[in-house]
Amino acid sequence: MSDEGSEYLPATSQLLVETKGPWSGPGCAGFLRDARELARSGHRVRLLFIQDGVSAAVAGSLRETASAAEAGCEIWVDRFSLAQRGLDESGLLPGARAVEMAEVAACVLEPDVRVVWH
């Protein structure tokens, strides 16, 4: 390994993007369980719900979302996707917050962030 930073360093920050809703099958819940385990392992995990995925951030819709939040995952919900589906922040899981794409873009550009899209 060199001193120039070329060695592999595991990510300490994850942005996990969920685009599908709970009704799309077990993949959504499995993705959220993975997020929970990453958070439990000490990674910073931001879960971003966009498109139809925003329904998984509605309070009471999916226990895996609440479990991920309890494990320390930050719950981000795309404000535009909420509006397109006739939803607003008041119905979201406690602690979830609506975000704009400018904040998401800034996160993606952080040097230690790894992005996973589902």
PDB file of N, CA and C in Angstrom:
ATOM      1  N   MET A   1       0.837  -1.178   0.000  1.00  0.00           N
ATOM      2  CA  MET A   1       0.000   0.000   0.000  1.00  0.00           C
ATOM      3  C   MET A   1       0.884   1.244   0.000  1.00  0.00           C
ATOM      4  N   SER A   2       0.467   2.207  -0.747  1.00  0.00           N
ATOM      5  CA  SER A   2       1.253   3.432  -0.830  1.00  0.00           C
ATOM      6  C   SER A   2       0.723   4.477   0.129  1.00  0.00           C
ATOM      7  N   ASP A   3       1.511   5.515   0.310  1.00  0.00           N
ATOM      8  CA  ASP A   3       1.082   6.629   1.146  1.00  0.00           C
ATOM      9  C   ASP A   3       0.257   7.638   0.361  1.00  0.00           C
ATOM     10  N   GLU A   4       0.025   7.379  -0.912  1.00  0.00           N
ATOM     11  CA  GLU A   4      -0.670   8.332  -1.776  1.00  0.00           C
ATOM     12  C   GLU A   4      -2.179   8.132  -1.774  1.00  0.00           C
ATOM     13  N   GLY A   5      -2.703   7.264  -0.940  1.00  0.00           N
ATOM     14  CA  GLY A   5      -4.151   7.093  -0.829  1.00  0.00           C
ATOM     15  C   GLY A   5      -4.747   6.164  -1.870  1.00  0.00           C
ATOM     16  N   SER A   6      -3.941   5.355  -2.539  1.00  0.00           N
ATOM     17  CA  SER A   6      -4.478   4.490  -3.573  1.00  0.00           C
ATOM     18  C   SER A   6      -5.058   3.192  -3.013  1.00  0.00           C
ATOM     19  N   GLU A   7      -4.799   2.894  -1.755  1.00  0.00           N
ATOM     20  CA  GLU A   7      -5.339   1.672  -1.175  1.00  0.00           C
ATOM     21  C   GLU A   7      -6.856   1.791  -1.010  1.00  0.00           C
ATOM     22  N   TYR A   8      -7.485   0.643  -0.957  1.00  0.00           N
ATOM     23  CA  TYR A   8      -8.930   0.614  -0.797  1.00  0.00           C
ATOM     24  C   TYR A   8      -9.293   0.943   0.646  1.00  0.00           C
ATOM     25  N   LEU A   9     -10.182   1.888   0.794  1.00  0.00           N
ATOM     26  CA  LEU A   9     -10.703   2.227   2.118  1.00  0.00           C
ATOM     27  C   LEU A   9     -12.207   2.007   2.095  1.00  0.00           C
ATOM     28  N   PRO A  10     -12.731   1.254   3.030  1.00  0.00           N
ATOM     29  CA  PRO A  10     -14.178   1.025   3.030  1.00  0.00           C
ATOM     30  C   PRO A  10     -14.941   2.324   3.287  1.00  0.00           C
ATOM     31  N   ALA A  11     -16.083   2.411   2.675  1.00  0.00           N
ATOM     32  CA  ALA A  11     -16.919   3.597   2.844  1.00  0.00           C
ATOM     33  C   ALA A  11     -17.399   3.705   4.280  1.00  0.00           C
ATOM     34  N   THR A  12     -17.463   4.903   4.764  1.00  0.00           N
ATOM     35  CA  THR A  12     -18.033   5.126   6.087  1.00  0.00           C
ATOM     36  C   THR A  12     -19.397   5.802   5.973  1.00  0.00           C
ATOM     37  N   SER A  13     -19.776   6.167   4.766  1.00  0.00           N
ATOM     38  CA  SER A  13     -21.039   6.850   4.553  1.00  0.00           C
ATOM     39  C   SER A  13     -21.738   6.255   3.332  1.00  0.00           C
ATOM     40  N   GLN A  14     -23.012   5.957   3.502  1.00  0.00           N
ATOM     41  CA  GLN A  14     -23.801   5.326   2.444  1.00  0.00           C
ATOM     42  C   GLN A  14     -25.023   6.180   2.142  1.00  0.00           C
ATOM     43  N   LEU A  15     -25.331   6.324   0.868  1.00  0.00           N
ATOM     44  CA  LEU A  15     -26.601   6.901   0.438  1.00  0.00           C
ATOM     45  C   LEU A  15     -27.326   5.789  -0.300  1.00  0.00           C
ATOM     46  N   LEU A  16     -28.379   5.293   0.312  1.00  0.00           N
ATOM     47  CA  LEU A  16     -29.160   4.212  -0.275  1.00  0.00           C
ATOM     48  C   LEU A  16     -30.463   4.796  -0.804  1.00  0.00           C
ATOM     49  N   VAL A  17     -30.705   4.606  -2.084  1.00  0.00           N
ATOM     50  CA  VAL A  17     -31.835   5.235  -2.767  1.00  0.00           C
ATOM     51  C   VAL A  17     -32.887   4.181  -3.080  1.00  0.00           C
ATOM     52  N   GLU A  18     -34.065   4.351  -2.509  1.00  0.00           N
ATOM     53  CA  GLU A  18     -35.180   3.427  -2.734  1.00  0.00           C
ATOM     54  C   GLU A  18     -36.196   4.093  -3.653  1.00  0.00           C
ATOM     55  N   THR A  19     -36.438   3.459  -4.817  1.00  0.00           N
ATOM     56  CA  THR A  19     -37.368   4.023  -5.795  1.00  0.00           C
ATOM     57  C   THR A  19     -38.676   3.249  -5.886  1.00  0.00           C
ATOM     58  N   LYS A  20     -38.748   2.120  -5.215  1.00  0.00           N
ATOM     59  CA  LYS A  20     -39.929   1.266  -5.317  1.00  0.00           C
ATOM     60  C   LYS A  20     -40.705   1.297  -4.005  1.00  0.00           C
ATOM     61  N   GLY A  21     -41.962   1.019  -4.077  1.00  0.00           N
ATOM     62  CA  GLY A  21     -42.778   1.007  -2.867  1.00  0.00           C
ATOM     63  C   GLY A  21     -42.874  -0.379  -2.273  1.00  0.00           C
ATOM     64  N   PRO A  22     -43.458  -0.468  -1.086  1.00  0.00           N
ATOM     65  CA  PRO A  22     -43.612  -1.752  -0.402  1.00  0.00           C
ATOM     66  C   PRO A  22     -44.386  -2.786  -1.216  1.00  0.00           C
ATOM     67  N   TRP A  23     -45.294  -2.344  -2.058  1.00  0.00           N
ATOM     68  CA  TRP A  23     -46.107  -3.261  -2.852  1.00  0.00           C
ATOM     69  C   TRP A  23     -45.332  -3.901  -3.995  1.00  0.00           C
ATOM     70  N   SER A  24     -44.094  -3.462  -4.262  1.00  0.00           N
ATOM     71  CA  SER A  24     -43.328  -3.981  -5.394  1.00  0.00           C
ATOM     72  C   SER A  24     -42.719  -5.351  -5.122  1.00  0.00           C
ATOM     73  N   GLY A  25     -42.903  -5.844  -3.921  1.00  0.00           N
ATOM     74  CA  GLY A  25     -42.358  -7.154  -3.570  1.00  0.00           C
ATOM     75  C   GLY A  25     -41.395  -7.048  -2.403  1.00  0.00           C
ATOM     76  N   PRO A  26     -40.735  -8.144  -2.077  1.00  0.00           N
ATOM     77  CA  PRO A  26     -39.874  -8.174  -0.885  1.00  0.00           C
ATOM     78  C   PRO A  26     -38.565  -7.400  -1.035  1.00  0.00           C
ATOM     79  N   GLY A  27     -38.230  -6.946  -2.231  1.00  0.00           N
ATOM     80  CA  GLY A  27     -36.968  -6.237  -2.445  1.00  0.00           C
ATOM     81  C   GLY A  27     -36.843  -4.960  -1.641  1.00  0.00           C
ATOM     82  N   CYS A  28     -37.920  -4.222  -1.529  1.00  0.00           N
ATOM     83  CA  CYS A  28     -37.895  -2.967  -0.772  1.00  0.00           C
ATOM     84  C   CYS A  28     -37.566  -3.226   0.695  1.00  0.00           C
ATOM     85  N   ALA A  29     -38.265  -4.158   1.311  1.00  0.00           N
ATOM     86  CA  ALA A  29     -38.026  -4.473   2.717  1.00  0.00           C
ATOM     87  C   ALA A  29     -36.608  -5.012   2.917  1.00  0.00           C
ATOM     88  N   GLY A  30     -36.132  -5.830   2.002  1.00  0.00           N
ATOM     89  CA  GLY A  30     -34.784  -6.362   2.098  1.00  0.00           C
ATOM     90  C   GLY A  30     -33.732  -5.270   1.994  1.00  0.00           C
ATOM     91  N   PHE A  31     -33.957  -4.316   1.116  1.00  0.00           N
ATOM     92  CA  PHE A  31     -33.046  -3.182   0.961  1.00  0.00           C
ATOM     93  C   PHE A  31     -32.962  -2.384   2.260  1.00  0.00           C
ATOM     94  N   LEU A  32     -34.103  -2.189   2.904  1.00  0.00           N
ATOM     95  CA  LEU A  32     -34.139  -1.440   4.161  1.00  0.00           C
ATOM     96  C   LEU A  32     -33.485  -2.220   5.302  1.00  0.00           C
ATOM     97  N   ARG A  33     -33.607  -3.528   5.293  1.00  0.00           N
ATOM     98  CA  ARG A  33     -32.897  -4.343   6.293  1.00  0.00           C
ATOM     99  C   ARG A  33     -31.384  -4.223   6.101  1.00  0.00           C
ATOM    100  N   ASP A  34     -30.943  -4.186   4.851  1.00  0.00           N
ATOM    101  CA  ASP A  34     -29.514  -3.975   4.577  1.00  0.00           C
ATOM    102  C   ASP A  34     -29.055  -2.627   5.126  1.00  0.00           C
ATOM    103  N   ALA A  35     -29.873  -1.606   4.941  1.00  0.00           N
ATOM    104  CA  ALA A  35     -29.545  -0.279   5.466  1.00  0.00           C
ATOM    105  C   ALA A  35     -29.416  -0.316   6.979  1.00  0.00           C
ATOM    106  N   ARG A  36     -30.338  -0.990   7.621  1.00  0.00           N
ATOM    107  CA  ARG A  36     -30.305  -1.118   9.077  1.00  0.00           C
ATOM    108  C   ARG A  36     -29.001  -1.772   9.536  1.00  0.00           C
ATOM    109  N   GLU A  37     -28.605  -2.843   8.863  1.00  0.00           N
ATOM    110  CA  GLU A  37     -27.380  -3.547   9.254  1.00  0.00           C
ATOM    111  C   GLU A  37     -26.135  -2.705   9.010  1.00  0.00           C
ATOM    112  N   LEU A  38     -26.115  -1.928   7.948  1.00  0.00           N
ATOM    113  CA  LEU A  38     -24.993  -1.013   7.720  1.00  0.00           C
ATOM    114  C   LEU A  38     -24.895   0.008   8.854  1.00  0.00           C
ATOM    115  N   ALA A  39     -26.031   0.543   9.266  1.00  0.00           N
ATOM    116  CA  ALA A  39     -26.040   1.517  10.366  1.00  0.00           C
ATOM    117  C   ALA A  39     -25.561   0.863  11.659  1.00  0.00           C
ATOM    118  N   ARG A  40     -26.027  -0.341  11.908  1.00  0.00           N
ATOM    119  CA  ARG A  40     -25.598  -1.061  13.117  1.00  0.00           C
ATOM    120  C   ARG A  40     -24.095  -1.364  13.095  1.00  0.00           C
ATOM    121  N   SER A  41     -23.518  -1.436  11.905  1.00  0.00           N
ATOM    122  CA  SER A  41     -22.085  -1.709  11.751  1.00  0.00           C
ATOM    123  C   SER A  41     -21.233  -0.451  11.870  1.00  0.00           C
ATOM    124  N   GLY A  42     -21.882   0.679  12.113  1.00  0.00           N
ATOM    125  CA  GLY A  42     -21.133   1.910  12.320  1.00  0.00           C
ATOM    126  C   GLY A  42     -21.050   2.850  11.134  1.00  0.00           C
ATOM    127  N   HIS A  43     -21.675   2.503  10.029  1.00  0.00           N
ATOM    128  CA  HIS A  43     -21.681   3.381   8.873  1.00  0.00           C
ATOM    129  C   HIS A  43     -22.732   4.476   9.040  1.00  0.00           C
ATOM    130  N   ARG A  44     -22.459   5.629   8.476  1.00  0.00           N
ATOM    131  CA  ARG A  44     -23.499   6.645   8.382  1.00  0.00           C
ATOM    132  C   ARG A  44     -24.358   6.256   7.182  1.00  0.00           C
ATOM    133  N   VAL A  45     -25.654   6.110   7.402  1.00  0.00           N
ATOM    134  CA  VAL A  45     -26.558   5.685   6.340  1.00  0.00           C
ATOM    135  C   VAL A  45     -27.665   6.715   6.181  1.00  0.00           C
ATOM    136  N   ARG A  46     -27.771   7.206   4.959  1.00  0.00           N
ATOM    137  CA  ARG A  46     -28.890   8.071   4.594  1.00  0.00           C
ATOM    138  C   ARG A  46     -29.738   7.295   3.607  1.00  0.00           C
ATOM    139  N   LEU A  47     -30.982   7.076   3.963  1.00  0.00           N
ATOM    140  CA  LEU A  47     -31.946   6.411   3.088  1.00  0.00           C
ATOM    141  C   LEU A  47     -32.740   7.491   2.381  1.00  0.00           C
ATOM    142  N   LEU A  48     -32.662   7.500   1.065  1.00  0.00           N
ATOM    143  CA  LEU A  48     -33.411   8.468   0.276  1.00  0.00           C
ATOM    144  C   LEU A  48     -34.545   7.750  -0.431  1.00  0.00           C
ATOM    145  N   PHE A  49     -35.752   8.186  -0.176  1.00  0.00           N
ATOM    146  CA  PHE A  49     -36.932   7.629  -0.828  1.00  0.00           C
ATOM    147  C   PHE A  49     -37.368   8.592  -1.920  1.00  0.00           C
ATOM    148  N   ILE A  50     -37.397   8.088  -3.165  1.00  0.00           N
ATOM    149  CA  ILE A  50     -37.847   8.901  -4.288  1.00  0.00           C
ATOM    150  C   ILE A  50     -38.843   8.103  -5.117  1.00  0.00           C
ATOM    151  N   GLN A  51     -39.470   8.771  -6.050  1.00  0.00           N
ATOM    152  CA  GLN A  51     -40.461   8.169  -6.928  1.00  0.00           C
ATOM    153  C   GLN A  51     -41.476   7.400  -6.078  1.00  0.00           C
ATOM    154  N   ASP A  52     -41.834   6.185  -6.481  1.00  0.00           N
ATOM    155  CA  ASP A  52     -42.816   5.410  -5.723  1.00  0.00           C
ATOM    156  C   ASP A  52     -42.292   4.960  -4.365  1.00  0.00           C
ATOM    157  N   GLY A  53     -40.995   5.054  -4.154  1.00  0.00           N
ATOM    158  CA  GLY A  53     -40.406   4.672  -2.877  1.00  0.00           C
ATOM    159  C   GLY A  53     -40.860   5.529  -1.717  1.00  0.00           C
ATOM    160  N   VAL A  54     -41.376   6.734  -1.995  1.00  0.00           N
ATOM    161  CA  VAL A  54     -41.784   7.612  -0.894  1.00  0.00           C
ATOM    162  C   VAL A  54     -42.867   6.980  -0.030  1.00  0.00           C
ATOM    163  N   SER A  55     -43.630   6.068  -0.600  1.00  0.00           N
ATOM    164  CA  SER A  55     -44.690   5.425   0.199  1.00  0.00           C
ATOM    165  C   SER A  55     -44.110   4.590   1.338  1.00  0.00           C
ATOM    166  N   ALA A  56     -42.877   4.132   1.217  1.00  0.00           N
ATOM    167  CA  ALA A  56     -42.244   3.356   2.285  1.00  0.00           C
ATOM    168  C   ALA A  56     -41.835   4.233   3.461  1.00  0.00           C
ATOM    169  N   ALA A  57     -41.859   5.551   3.287  1.00  0.00           N
ATOM    170  CA  ALA A  57     -41.512   6.474   4.371  1.00  0.00           C
ATOM    171  C   ALA A  57     -42.747   7.035   5.076  1.00  0.00           C
ATOM    172  N   VAL A  58     -43.923   6.634   4.627  1.00  0.00           N
ATOM    173  CA  VAL A  58     -45.160   7.062   5.289  1.00  0.00           C
ATOM    174  C   VAL A  58     -45.272   6.293   6.599  1.00  0.00           C
ATOM    175  N   ALA A  59     -45.611   6.985   7.664  1.00  0.00           N
ATOM    176  CA  ALA A  59     -45.724   6.370   8.994  1.00  0.00           C
ATOM    177  C   ALA A  59     -46.649   5.158   8.936  1.00  0.00           C
ATOM    178  N   GLY A  60     -46.163   4.045   9.484  1.00  0.00           N
ATOM    179  CA  GLY A  60     -46.957   2.831   9.577  1.00  0.00           C
ATOM    180  C   GLY A  60     -47.007   1.987   8.321  1.00  0.00           C
ATOM    181  N   SER A  61     -46.351   2.398   7.248  1.00  0.00           N
ATOM    182  CA  SER A  61     -46.478   1.639   6.002  1.00  0.00           C
ATOM    183  C   SER A  61     -45.568   0.427   5.932  1.00  0.00           C
ATOM    184  N   LEU A  62     -44.386   0.502   6.555  1.00  0.00           N
ATOM    185  CA  LEU A  62     -43.423  -0.596   6.443  1.00  0.00           C
ATOM    186  C   LEU A  62     -42.556  -0.609   7.692  1.00  0.00           C
ATOM    187  N   ARG A  63     -42.631  -1.687   8.457  1.00  0.00           N
ATOM    188  CA  ARG A  63     -41.886  -1.721   9.719  1.00  0.00           C
ATOM    189  C   ARG A  63     -40.381  -1.655   9.503  1.00  0.00           C
ATOM    190  N   GLU A  64     -39.899  -2.102   8.346  1.00  0.00           N
ATOM    191  CA  GLU A  64     -38.455  -2.053   8.071  1.00  0.00           C
ATOM    192  C   GLU A  64     -37.938  -0.621   7.994  1.00  0.00           C
ATOM    193  N   THR A  65     -38.769   0.311   7.565  1.00  0.00           N
ATOM    194  CA  THR A  65     -38.343   1.711   7.537  1.00  0.00           C
ATOM    195  C   THR A  65     -38.140   2.215   8.958  1.00  0.00           C
ATOM    196  N   ALA A  66     -39.092   1.936   9.831  1.00  0.00           N
ATOM    197  CA  ALA A  66     -38.972   2.350  11.227  1.00  0.00           C
ATOM    198  C   ALA A  66     -37.774   1.681  11.892  1.00  0.00           C
ATOM    199  N   SER A  67     -37.545   0.423  11.583  1.00  0.00           N
ATOM    200  CA  SER A  67     -36.419  -0.305  12.143  1.00  0.00           C
ATOM    201  C   SER A  67     -35.087   0.291  11.682  1.00  0.00           C
ATOM    202  N   ALA A  68     -35.010   0.679  10.432  1.00  0.00           N
ATOM    203  CA  ALA A  68     -33.788   1.319   9.918  1.00  0.00           C
ATOM    204  C   ALA A  68     -33.559   2.654  10.621  1.00  0.00           C
ATOM    205  N   ALA A  69     -34.626   3.412  10.813  1.00  0.00           N
ATOM    206  CA  ALA A  69     -34.505   4.695  11.509  1.00  0.00           C
ATOM    207  C   ALA A  69     -34.046   4.493  12.956  1.00  0.00           C
ATOM    208  N   GLU A  70     -34.610   3.509  13.613  1.00  0.00           N
ATOM    209  CA  GLU A  70     -34.223   3.207  15.003  1.00  0.00           C
ATOM    210  C   GLU A  70     -32.756   2.797  15.105  1.00  0.00           C
ATOM    211  N   ALA A  71     -32.212   2.197  14.047  1.00  0.00           N
ATOM    212  CA  ALA A  71     -30.808   1.775  14.029  1.00  0.00           C
ATOM    213  C   ALA A  71     -29.864   2.931  13.726  1.00  0.00           C
ATOM    214  N   GLY A  72     -30.443   4.097  13.388  1.00  0.00           N
ATOM    215  CA  GLY A  72     -29.609   5.267  13.143  1.00  0.00           C
ATOM    216  C   GLY A  72     -29.601   5.779  11.720  1.00  0.00           C
ATOM    217  N   CYS A  73     -30.345   5.159  10.834  1.00  0.00           N
ATOM    218  CA  CYS A  73     -30.414   5.655   9.456  1.00  0.00           C
ATOM    219  C   CYS A  73     -31.155   6.984   9.417  1.00  0.00           C
ATOM    220  N   GLU A  74     -30.629   7.910   8.647  1.00  0.00           N
ATOM    221  CA  GLU A  74     -31.336   9.163   8.384  1.00  0.00           C
ATOM    222  C   GLU A  74     -32.348   8.872   7.278  1.00  0.00           C
ATOM    223  N   ILE A  75     -33.563   9.335   7.448  1.00  0.00           N
ATOM    224  CA  ILE A  75     -34.614   9.100   6.466  1.00  0.00           C
ATOM    225  C   ILE A  75     -34.865  10.392   5.701  1.00  0.00           C
ATOM    226  N   TRP A  76     -34.498  10.365   4.421  1.00  0.00           N
ATOM    227  CA  TRP A  76     -34.715  11.498   3.529  1.00  0.00           C
ATOM    228  C   TRP A  76     -35.812  11.131   2.535  1.00  0.00           C
ATOM    229  N   VAL A  77     -36.687  12.069   2.250  1.00  0.00           N
ATOM    230  CA  VAL A  77     -37.781  11.830   1.315  1.00  0.00           C
ATOM    231  C   VAL A  77     -37.807  12.974   0.309  1.00  0.00           C
ATOM    232  N   ASP A  78     -37.792  12.630  -0.961  1.00  0.00           N
ATOM    233  CA  ASP A  78     -37.799  13.634  -2.021  1.00  0.00           C
ATOM    234  C   ASP A  78     -39.110  14.420  -2.004  1.00  0.00           C
ATOM    235  N   ARG A  79     -38.971  15.712  -1.796  1.00  0.00           N
ATOM    236  CA  ARG A  79     -40.147  16.592  -1.700  1.00  0.00           C
ATOM    237  C   ARG A  79     -40.974  16.572  -2.994  1.00  0.00           C
ATOM    238  N   PHE A  80     -40.323  16.567  -4.143  1.00  0.00           N
ATOM    239  CA  PHE A  80     -41.018  16.558  -5.430  1.00  0.00           C
ATOM    240  C   PHE A  80     -41.835  15.279  -5.588  1.00  0.00           C
ATOM    241  N   SER A  81     -41.224  14.124  -5.256  1.00  0.00           N
ATOM    242  CA  SER A  81     -41.936  12.848  -5.373  1.00  0.00           C
ATOM    243  C   SER A  81     -43.148  12.799  -4.444  1.00  0.00           C
ATOM    244  N   LEU A  82     -43.003  13.367  -3.244  1.00  0.00           N
ATOM    245  CA  LEU A  82     -44.151  13.445  -2.326  1.00  0.00           C
ATOM    246  C   LEU A  82     -45.298  14.222  -2.963  1.00  0.00           C
ATOM    247  N   ALA A  83     -44.969  15.401  -3.475  1.00  0.00           N
ATOM    248  CA  ALA A  83     -45.998  16.261  -4.072  1.00  0.00           C
ATOM    249  C   ALA A  83     -46.661  15.582  -5.267  1.00  0.00           C
ATOM    250  N   GLN A  84     -45.895  14.893  -6.076  1.00  0.00           N
ATOM    251  CA  GLN A  84     -46.437  14.214  -7.252  1.00  0.00           C
ATOM    252  C   GLN A  84     -47.417  13.106  -6.881  1.00  0.00           C
ATOM    253  N   ARG A  85     -47.324  12.617  -5.669  1.00  0.00           N
ATOM    254  CA  ARG A  85     -48.205  11.544  -5.205  1.00  0.00           C
ATOM    255  C   ARG A  85     -49.272  12.043  -4.229  1.00  0.00           C
ATOM    256  N   GLY A  86     -49.393  13.348  -4.112  1.00  0.00           N
ATOM    257  CA  GLY A  86     -50.419  13.932  -3.245  1.00  0.00           C
ATOM    258  C   GLY A  86     -50.139  13.743  -1.771  1.00  0.00           C
ATOM    259  N   LEU A  87     -48.868  13.575  -1.411  1.00  0.00           N
ATOM    260  CA  LEU A  87     -48.480  13.383  -0.016  1.00  0.00           C
ATOM    261  C   LEU A  87     -47.742  14.614   0.485  1.00  0.00           C
ATOM    262  N   ASP A  88     -47.668  14.754   1.804  1.00  0.00           N
ATOM    263  CA  ASP A  88     -46.858  15.830   2.378  1.00  0.00           C
ATOM    264  C   ASP A  88     -46.101  15.309   3.592  1.00  0.00           C
ATOM    265  N   GLU A  89     -45.283  16.149   4.141  1.00  0.00           N
ATOM    266  CA  GLU A  89     -44.410  15.749   5.245  1.00  0.00           C
ATOM    267  C   GLU A  89     -45.156  15.303   6.489  1.00  0.00           C
ATOM    268  N   SER A  90     -46.363  15.783   6.685  1.00  0.00           N
ATOM    269  CA  SER A  90     -47.089  15.474   7.919  1.00  0.00           C
ATOM    270  C   SER A  90     -47.381  13.984   8.078  1.00  0.00           C
ATOM    271  N   GLY A  91     -47.426  13.242   6.992  1.00  0.00           N
ATOM    272  CA  GLY A  91     -47.720  11.817   7.076  1.00  0.00           C
ATOM    273  C   GLY A  91     -46.499  10.915   7.151  1.00  0.00           C
ATOM    274  N   LEU A  92     -45.313  11.519   7.187  1.00  0.00           N
ATOM    275  CA  LEU A  92     -44.089  10.720   7.182  1.00  0.00           C
ATOM    276  C   LEU A  92     -43.767  10.137   8.555  1.00  0.00           C
ATOM    277  N   LEU A  93     -42.945   9.118   8.541  1.00  0.00           N
ATOM    278  CA  LEU A  93     -42.407   8.512   9.746  1.00  0.00           C
ATOM    279  C   LEU A  93     -41.764   9.600  10.608  1.00  0.00           C
ATOM    280  N   PRO A  94     -41.961   9.587  11.922  1.00  0.00           N
ATOM    281  CA  PRO A  94     -41.308  10.590  12.771  1.00  0.00           C
ATOM    282  C   PRO A  94     -39.794  10.584  12.540  1.00  0.00           C
ATOM    283  N   GLY A  95     -39.235  11.760  12.397  1.00  0.00           N
ATOM    284  CA  GLY A  95     -37.801  11.903  12.154  1.00  0.00           C
ATOM    285  C   GLY A  95     -37.433  11.972  10.687  1.00  0.00           C
ATOM    286  N   ALA A  96     -38.332  11.546   9.811  1.00  0.00           N
ATOM    287  CA  ALA A  96     -38.072  11.649   8.371  1.00  0.00           C
ATOM    288  C   ALA A  96     -38.188  13.111   7.963  1.00  0.00           C
ATOM    289  N   ARG A  97     -37.436  13.486   6.952  1.00  0.00           N
ATOM    290  CA  ARG A  97     -37.550  14.861   6.482  1.00  0.00           C
ATOM    291  C   ARG A  97     -37.511  14.933   4.971  1.00  0.00           C
ATOM    292  N   ALA A  98     -38.286  15.839   4.449  1.00  0.00           N
ATOM    293  CA  ALA A  98     -38.317  16.066   3.011  1.00  0.00           C
ATOM    294  C   ALA A  98     -37.070  16.847   2.607  1.00  0.00           C
ATOM    295  N   VAL A  99     -36.484  16.459   1.479  1.00  0.00           N
ATOM    296  CA  VAL A  99     -35.272  17.103   0.993  1.00  0.00           C
ATOM    297  C   VAL A  99     -35.442  17.504  -0.467  1.00  0.00           C
ATOM    298  N   GLU A 100     -34.627  18.443  -0.866  1.00  0.00           N
ATOM    299  CA  GLU A 100     -34.552  18.883  -2.260  1.00  0.00           C
ATOM    300  C   GLU A 100     -33.377  18.169  -2.925  1.00  0.00           C
ATOM    301  N   MET A 101     -33.380  18.122  -4.224  1.00  0.00           N
ATOM    302  CA  MET A 101     -32.317  17.439  -4.954  1.00  0.00           C
ATOM    303  C   MET A 101     -30.958  18.120  -4.792  1.00  0.00           C
ATOM    304  N   ALA A 102     -30.929  19.396  -4.469  1.00  0.00           N
ATOM    305  CA  ALA A 102     -29.639  20.068  -4.244  1.00  0.00           C
ATOM    306  C   ALA A 102     -28.910  19.434  -3.056  1.00  0.00           C
ATOM    307  N   GLU A 103     -29.642  19.076  -2.011  1.00  0.00           N
ATOM    308  CA  GLU A 103     -29.037  18.425  -0.854  1.00  0.00           C
ATOM    309  C   GLU A 103     -28.561  17.012  -1.206  1.00  0.00           C
ATOM    310  N   VAL A 104     -29.344  16.325  -2.015  1.00  0.00           N
ATOM    311  CA  VAL A 104     -28.957  14.986  -2.450  1.00  0.00           C
ATOM    312  C   VAL A 104     -27.689  15.065  -3.302  1.00  0.00           C
ATOM    313  N   ALA A 105     -27.636  16.016  -4.217  1.00  0.00           N
ATOM    314  CA  ALA A 105     -26.456  16.173  -5.075  1.00  0.00           C
ATOM    315  C   ALA A 105     -25.211  16.457  -4.239  1.00  0.00           C
ATOM    316  N   ALA A 106     -25.340  17.287  -3.228  1.00  0.00           N
ATOM    317  CA  ALA A 106     -24.201  17.580  -2.355  1.00  0.00           C
ATOM    318  C   ALA A 106     -23.734  16.316  -1.638  1.00  0.00           C
ATOM    319  N   CYS A 107     -24.664  15.497  -1.219  1.00  0.00           N
ATOM    320  CA  CYS A 107     -24.324  14.232  -0.549  1.00  0.00           C
ATOM    321  C   CYS A 107     -23.577  13.305  -1.503  1.00  0.00           C
ATOM    322  N   VAL A 108     -24.078  13.173  -2.728  1.00  0.00           N
ATOM    323  CA  VAL A 108     -23.463  12.292  -3.718  1.00  0.00           C
ATOM    324  C   VAL A 108     -22.013  12.704  -3.986  1.00  0.00           C
ATOM    325  N   LEU A 109     -21.735  13.988  -3.911  1.00  0.00           N
ATOM    326  CA  LEU A 109     -20.389  14.489  -4.203  1.00  0.00           C
ATOM    327  C   LEU A 109     -19.429  14.415  -3.027  1.00  0.00           C
ATOM    328  N   GLU A 110     -19.911  14.027  -1.850  1.00  0.00           N
ATOM    329  CA  GLU A 110     -19.004  13.856  -0.712  1.00  0.00           C
ATOM    330  C   GLU A 110     -18.027  12.733  -1.031  1.00  0.00           C
ATOM    331  N   PRO A 111     -16.732  12.926  -0.746  1.00  0.00           N
ATOM    332  CA  PRO A 111     -15.728  11.944  -1.171  1.00  0.00           C
ATOM    333  C   PRO A 111     -15.860  10.550  -0.557  1.00  0.00           C
ATOM    334  N   ASP A 112     -16.440  10.425   0.618  1.00  0.00           N
ATOM    335  CA  ASP A 112     -16.513   9.097   1.239  1.00  0.00           C
ATOM    336  C   ASP A 112     -17.868   8.414   1.069  1.00  0.00           C
ATOM    337  N   VAL A 113     -18.750   8.979   0.263  1.00  0.00           N
ATOM    338  CA  VAL A 113     -20.096   8.426   0.100  1.00  0.00           C
ATOM    339  C   VAL A 113     -20.125   7.382  -1.006  1.00  0.00           C
ATOM    340  N   ARG A 114     -20.790   6.283  -0.706  1.00  0.00           N
ATOM    341  CA  ARG A 114     -21.085   5.251  -1.708  1.00  0.00           C
ATOM    342  C   ARG A 114     -22.583   5.269  -1.910  1.00  0.00           C
ATOM    343  N   VAL A 115     -22.997   5.271  -3.177  1.00  0.00           N
ATOM    344  CA  VAL A 115     -24.417   5.340  -3.527  1.00  0.00           C
ATOM    345  C   VAL A 115     -24.869   3.986  -4.041  1.00  0.00           C
ATOM    346  N   VAL A 116     -25.982   3.515  -3.507  1.00  0.00           N
ATOM    347  CA  VAL A 116     -26.602   2.279  -3.976  1.00  0.00           C
ATOM    348  C   VAL A 116     -28.040   2.616  -4.354  1.00  0.00           C
ATOM    349  N   TRP A 117     -28.436   2.239  -5.540  1.00  0.00           N
ATOM    350  CA  TRP A 117     -29.758   2.581  -6.074  1.00  0.00           C
ATOM    351  C   TRP A 117     -30.600   1.324  -6.176  1.00  0.00           C
ATOM    352  N   HIS A 118     -31.815   1.364  -5.633  1.00  0.00           N
ATOM    353  CA  HIS A 118     -32.738   0.223  -5.739  1.00  0.00           C
ATOM    354  C   HIS A 118     -34.052   0.686  -6.322  1.00  0.00           C
TER     355      HIS A 118
END
